[in-house]
Every structure is written in structure tokens, then in C-alpha cells.
Amino acid sequence: MNEYAEGLREALVPFCNPEEAQKLSAYVRNKFVYFGLRAPKMKEIFKEYVKNHGVPDENQFRNVLLALWRYEEREMQIMGLYLLDKMKIHFQHNDGFLLEELIQTKPWWDTIDHLAKKHVGYYFELFPEERSKIIEKWLQSDNTWLIRSCILFQLGYKYKTDEELLARIIAENCETNEFFIDKAIGWALREYAKINSEFTLGLCATLPLSNLSKKEAIKNL
């Protein structure tokens, strides 16, 4: 048992809401169980816990994250995301393996999208020499969530977006007929359309995108 992770769990337990937990579980197709806490309350509890206990040191936070991902209650993984927001400044070269494990463990859009945009994207900016190797591995994995992460990691890049890479990833995955892939393609194109609408319209015109991807991509155009 990880003491820091268990302390976070104990901080959540008094606020359990069975009725809300049932609603949250139904929302994610009953894939996870919940304490029944919404994001504002979780953030409040996390902030208070960090105020009282600090954060793990840069050598221990990985073990805390992996421990948080082993709990069955979904709020524990969300707490892990909050913790990683604070600790990502301590990323090292080999933390691509950590991110890969977090993405593949108990995956659903709620953790994947946060990890992809805020942490995978940040990691690749810190260690650009790791990007190509990891992305190629993930794209060849046939894992929906690793591929979704490849599509979404540039969401916050704006003018730094690698258009050639984004176009290639989309082209290679636009005919999977996988909802979470098609949705991610549409989201990535819609966001980048704020920077370069011609790029988004061009891919919509030239690639065999799903109707879902196209609808999402041009929603704001």
C-alpha cells in the first residue's frame, strides 16, 4: 500500500455519494465504480490534501501514480491526473513508459484526453528526440487509446503544431470505424482550424474521413 495514495483515498471517503456514484458509473457504461464526487469537490479535496501533506518528491511520484491507478474507484485516477499536473515538471527521458502504462491502464476518454493534451504533449516538448520513436510504437499497437493519444497530443500546440505529422496520423487512422478514433480526429481538426482552417478543410476534402470526424472538424467553420 502506498501511504500517500491511501491518504488521498481516505480524504475522499467521507464525501461518498451513492446516488451520484450510480449516475457517474452509468455515464461511463458501468466500466468503473465511483465514490460519487464531481470535479469541483475533488479539486477542493486535492488542494487541501496537498496543502497539508505536500507532494511526493520527484523520485517517488511515479510510484504514487501507479498506486492511484490500481484503485477501483475512478476518482482515484482523476486524483492521479491532478497530481501529475503538478509533478510533470520532473519528467525524465524514460517517462514515456510511465505515460504509456497510465494510458493503457483503466483507459477511458476522461483520463486519456487529459493525459494526451496536458502530459504527453508536454513530455514530447521536453524530449522531442523521443517523439518519433514513441508515436510509431503507439500507432502500430492497435490500441485505440494509444492511437487517440497520438491524434490529440498536439491540441495545445497551436502554431507549433506539426501539420505533416498530424495529417499522416489522421490519414493512417481515418478508416478504423472506431468511435473514439473518429471523434479524436474531428476534435484535433476542429481545434487546429482555429489556427489554419484551410488545413482542416483540405483534409476533410481529400481524406475518407468518417461522417462523425467531418461533422466535428467543421463544427465551428
Protein backbone atom coordinates (compact mmCIF):
# COMPACT_ATOMS: atom_id res chain seq x y z
CA MET A 1 0.00 0.00 0.00
CA ASN A 2 1.28 3.46 -0.90
CA GLU A 3 0.86 5.78 2.08
CA TYR A 4 0.41 8.96 0.04
CA ALA A 5 -2.15 7.37 -2.29
CA GLU A 6 -4.05 5.82 0.61
CA GLY A 7 -4.15 9.19 2.32
CA LEU A 8 -5.79 10.69 -0.74
CA ARG A 9 -8.37 7.92 -0.73
CA GLU A 10 -9.14 8.46 2.94
CA ALA A 11 -9.67 12.16 2.20
CA LEU A 12 -12.34 11.27 -0.38
CA VAL A 13 -14.24 8.61 1.55
CA PRO A 14 -16.21 10.97 3.85
CA PHE A 15 -17.76 12.63 0.81
CA CYS A 16 -19.14 9.47 -0.80
CA ASN A 17 -22.49 9.98 -2.51
CA PRO A 18 -24.02 6.64 -3.56
CA GLU A 19 -26.75 8.22 -5.67
CA GLU A 20 -24.25 10.35 -7.56
CA ALA A 21 -21.89 7.37 -7.85
CA GLN A 22 -24.58 5.39 -9.65
CA LYS A 23 -25.16 8.21 -12.12
CA LEU A 24 -21.46 8.61 -12.83
CA SER A 25 -21.00 4.89 -13.35
CA ALA A 26 -23.92 4.75 -15.77
CA TYR A 27 -22.40 7.65 -17.72
CA VAL A 28 -19.28 5.59 -18.43
CA ARG A 29 -21.27 2.47 -19.34
CA ASN A 30 -20.64 0.95 -15.89
CA LYS A 31 -16.96 0.44 -16.64
CA PHE A 32 -15.92 1.96 -13.30
CA VAL A 33 -17.24 2.38 -9.79
CA TYR A 34 -17.27 5.78 -8.12
CA PHE A 35 -17.33 7.42 -4.74
CA GLY A 36 -19.75 9.89 -6.30
CA LEU A 37 -17.73 13.11 -6.30
CA ARG A 38 -17.84 15.75 -9.01
CA ALA A 39 -14.75 17.57 -10.25
CA PRO A 40 -15.11 20.78 -8.18
CA LYS A 41 -15.22 18.82 -4.92
CA MET A 42 -12.35 16.56 -5.97
CA LYS A 43 -10.19 19.57 -6.82
CA GLU A 44 -11.03 21.15 -3.46
CA ILE A 45 -10.08 17.98 -1.58
CA PHE A 46 -6.88 17.54 -3.59
CA LYS A 47 -5.83 21.13 -3.00
CA GLU A 48 -6.41 20.78 0.74
CA TYR A 49 -4.53 17.48 0.86
CA VAL A 50 -1.50 18.96 -0.92
CA LYS A 51 -1.64 21.97 1.39
CA ASN A 52 -1.43 19.67 4.41
CA HIS A 53 0.87 16.95 3.07
CA GLY A 54 2.79 18.48 0.20
CA VAL A 55 3.51 16.47 -2.94
CA PRO A 56 5.69 13.37 -3.32
CA ASP A 57 9.30 14.07 -4.18
CA GLU A 58 10.50 13.78 -7.76
CA ASN A 59 11.73 10.22 -7.17
CA GLN A 60 8.51 8.93 -5.58
CA PHE A 61 5.64 10.43 -7.56
CA ARG A 62 5.71 7.66 -10.18
CA ASN A 63 5.02 5.02 -7.55
CA VAL A 64 2.18 7.14 -6.17
CA LEU A 65 0.64 7.47 -9.64
CA LEU A 66 0.81 3.74 -10.30
CA ALA A 67 -0.76 3.10 -6.90
CA LEU A 68 -3.60 5.53 -7.63
CA TRP A 69 -4.28 3.75 -10.91
CA ARG A 70 -4.71 0.43 -9.06
CA TYR A 71 -7.72 1.60 -7.00
CA GLU A 72 -11.11 0.62 -8.35
CA GLU A 73 -12.78 3.96 -7.64
CA ARG A 74 -12.50 6.22 -10.67
CA GLU A 75 -11.91 9.30 -8.58
CA MET A 76 -8.52 7.87 -7.63
CA GLN A 77 -7.32 8.04 -11.24
CA ILE A 78 -8.64 11.60 -11.50
CA MET A 79 -6.66 12.48 -8.39
CA GLY A 80 -3.68 10.98 -10.19
CA LEU A 81 -4.22 13.39 -13.07
CA TYR A 82 -4.25 16.33 -10.67
CA LEU A 83 -1.04 15.08 -9.10
CA LEU A 84 0.65 14.63 -12.47
CA ASP A 85 -0.30 18.20 -13.37
CA LYS A 86 1.96 19.27 -10.53
CA MET A 87 4.72 16.71 -10.99
CA LYS A 88 5.22 16.69 -14.77
CA ILE A 89 7.96 19.28 -14.43
CA HIS A 90 10.05 16.37 -13.14
CA PHE A 91 9.58 14.21 -16.25
CA GLN A 92 12.68 12.32 -17.35
CA HIS A 93 13.56 10.70 -20.66
CA ASN A 94 12.20 7.29 -19.75
CA ASP A 95 8.83 8.59 -18.54
CA GLY A 96 7.38 7.74 -21.92
CA PHE A 97 6.97 4.28 -20.43
CA LEU A 98 5.09 5.73 -17.46
CA LEU A 99 2.69 7.61 -19.73
CA GLU A 100 2.16 4.51 -21.85
CA GLU A 101 1.26 2.48 -18.78
CA LEU A 102 -1.15 5.12 -17.47
CA ILE A 103 -2.84 5.35 -20.87
CA GLN A 104 -3.32 1.60 -21.12
CA THR A 105 -4.44 1.06 -17.52
CA LYS A 106 -8.18 1.55 -16.92
CA PRO A 107 -8.49 3.66 -20.09
CA TRP A 108 -11.47 5.84 -20.92
CA TRP A 109 -11.77 9.25 -22.52
CA ASP A 110 -11.78 11.09 -19.20
CA THR A 111 -8.20 10.10 -18.34
CA ILE A 112 -6.87 9.67 -21.88
CA ASP A 113 -7.75 13.16 -23.10
CA HIS A 114 -6.20 14.80 -20.06
CA LEU A 115 -3.05 12.69 -20.34
CA ALA A 116 -2.73 13.28 -24.09
CA LYS A 117 -3.15 17.04 -24.09
CA LYS A 118 -1.54 18.02 -20.80
CA HIS A 119 1.11 15.37 -20.29
CA VAL A 120 2.02 13.51 -23.48
CA GLY A 121 2.19 16.80 -25.38
CA TYR A 122 4.30 18.34 -22.61
CA TYR A 123 6.62 15.32 -22.46
CA PHE A 124 7.27 15.46 -26.22
CA GLU A 125 8.13 19.14 -25.96
CA LEU A 126 10.63 18.34 -23.21
CA PHE A 127 12.14 15.41 -25.08
CA PRO A 128 11.49 15.86 -28.82
CA GLU A 129 14.01 13.15 -29.60
CA GLU A 130 11.62 10.62 -28.02
CA ARG A 131 8.57 11.68 -30.03
CA SER A 132 9.04 9.81 -33.28
CA LYS A 133 10.02 6.53 -31.63
CA ILE A 134 7.11 6.53 -29.20
CA ILE A 135 4.50 7.69 -31.70
CA GLU A 136 5.45 5.00 -34.19
CA LYS A 137 5.23 2.38 -31.46
CA TRP A 138 1.82 3.60 -30.34
CA LEU A 139 0.44 3.85 -33.87
CA GLN A 140 1.46 0.27 -34.58
CA SER A 141 -0.01 -1.02 -31.32
CA ASP A 142 -3.64 -1.29 -32.50
CA ASN A 143 -4.54 0.12 -29.09
CA THR A 144 -7.38 2.62 -29.51
CA TRP A 145 -6.27 4.76 -26.57
CA LEU A 146 -2.61 4.99 -27.57
CA ILE A 147 -3.68 5.97 -31.09
CA ARG A 148 -6.15 8.53 -29.72
CA SER A 149 -3.29 9.99 -27.68
CA CYS A 150 -1.20 10.33 -30.85
CA ILE A 151 -4.02 12.24 -32.51
CA LEU A 152 -4.65 14.56 -29.57
CA PHE A 153 -1.26 15.31 -28.04
CA GLN A 154 -0.82 18.46 -30.16
CA LEU A 155 -4.12 20.02 -29.06
CA GLY A 156 -2.38 22.76 -27.12
CA TYR A 157 0.43 23.34 -29.59
CA LYS A 158 -1.38 25.90 -31.76
CA TYR A 159 1.22 27.47 -34.10
CA LYS A 160 3.79 24.86 -33.06
CA THR A 161 1.66 22.05 -34.49
CA ASP A 162 3.47 19.67 -36.81
CA GLU A 163 0.94 19.70 -39.66
CA GLU A 164 2.69 16.96 -41.61
CA LEU A 165 2.65 14.61 -38.63
CA LEU A 166 -0.96 15.38 -37.77
CA ALA A 167 -2.07 14.80 -41.34
CA ARG A 168 -0.20 11.49 -41.54
CA ILE A 169 -1.62 10.19 -38.28
CA ILE A 170 -5.14 11.11 -39.36
CA ALA A 171 -4.68 9.59 -42.81
CA GLU A 172 -3.48 6.32 -41.32
CA ASN A 173 -6.39 6.05 -38.90
CA CYS A 174 -9.40 7.69 -40.55
CA GLU A 175 -10.93 4.40 -41.72
CA THR A 176 -10.88 2.43 -38.49
CA ASN A 177 -14.62 2.84 -37.85
CA GLU A 178 -13.71 3.24 -34.18
CA PHE A 179 -15.83 5.89 -32.45
CA PHE A 180 -13.09 7.16 -30.15
CA ILE A 181 -10.64 7.47 -33.03
CA ASP A 182 -13.13 9.23 -35.31
CA LYS A 183 -14.14 11.59 -32.50
CA ALA A 184 -10.50 12.42 -31.76
CA ILE A 185 -9.79 13.17 -35.43
CA GLY A 186 -12.69 15.58 -35.54
CA TRP A 187 -11.62 17.26 -32.32
CA ALA A 188 -8.00 17.67 -33.43
CA LEU A 189 -9.06 19.15 -36.78
CA ARG A 190 -11.63 21.45 -35.18
CA GLU A 191 -9.06 22.83 -32.74
CA TYR A 192 -6.41 23.31 -35.39
CA ALA A 193 -8.93 25.01 -37.66
CA LYS A 194 -8.70 27.94 -35.24
CA ILE A 195 -5.11 28.33 -36.45
CA ASN A 196 -5.37 27.10 -40.03
CA SER A 197 -8.87 26.47 -41.33
CA GLU A 198 -7.55 25.66 -44.82
CA PHE A 199 -5.63 22.71 -43.41
CA THR A 200 -8.76 21.28 -41.81
CA LEU A 201 -10.94 21.88 -44.85
CA GLY A 202 -8.26 20.37 -47.07
CA LEU A 203 -8.11 17.13 -45.11
CA CYS A 204 -11.90 16.96 -44.99
CA ALA A 205 -11.93 17.24 -48.78
CA THR A 206 -9.12 14.81 -49.57
CA LEU A 207 -9.25 12.08 -46.91
CA PRO A 208 -12.01 9.45 -46.47
CA LEU A 209 -12.97 10.79 -43.06
CA SER A 210 -15.99 9.37 -41.29
CA ASN A 211 -19.12 11.48 -41.14
CA LEU A 212 -18.52 11.90 -37.40
CA SER A 213 -14.98 13.22 -37.96
CA LYS A 214 -16.11 15.66 -40.63
CA LYS A 215 -19.02 16.90 -38.57
CA GLU A 216 -16.76 17.55 -35.57
CA ALA A 217 -14.00 19.07 -37.69
CA ILE A 218 -16.12 21.76 -39.35
CA LYS A 219 -18.47 22.43 -36.44
CA ASN A 220 -17.15 25.96 -35.92
CA LEU A 221 -16.35 26.83 -39.53
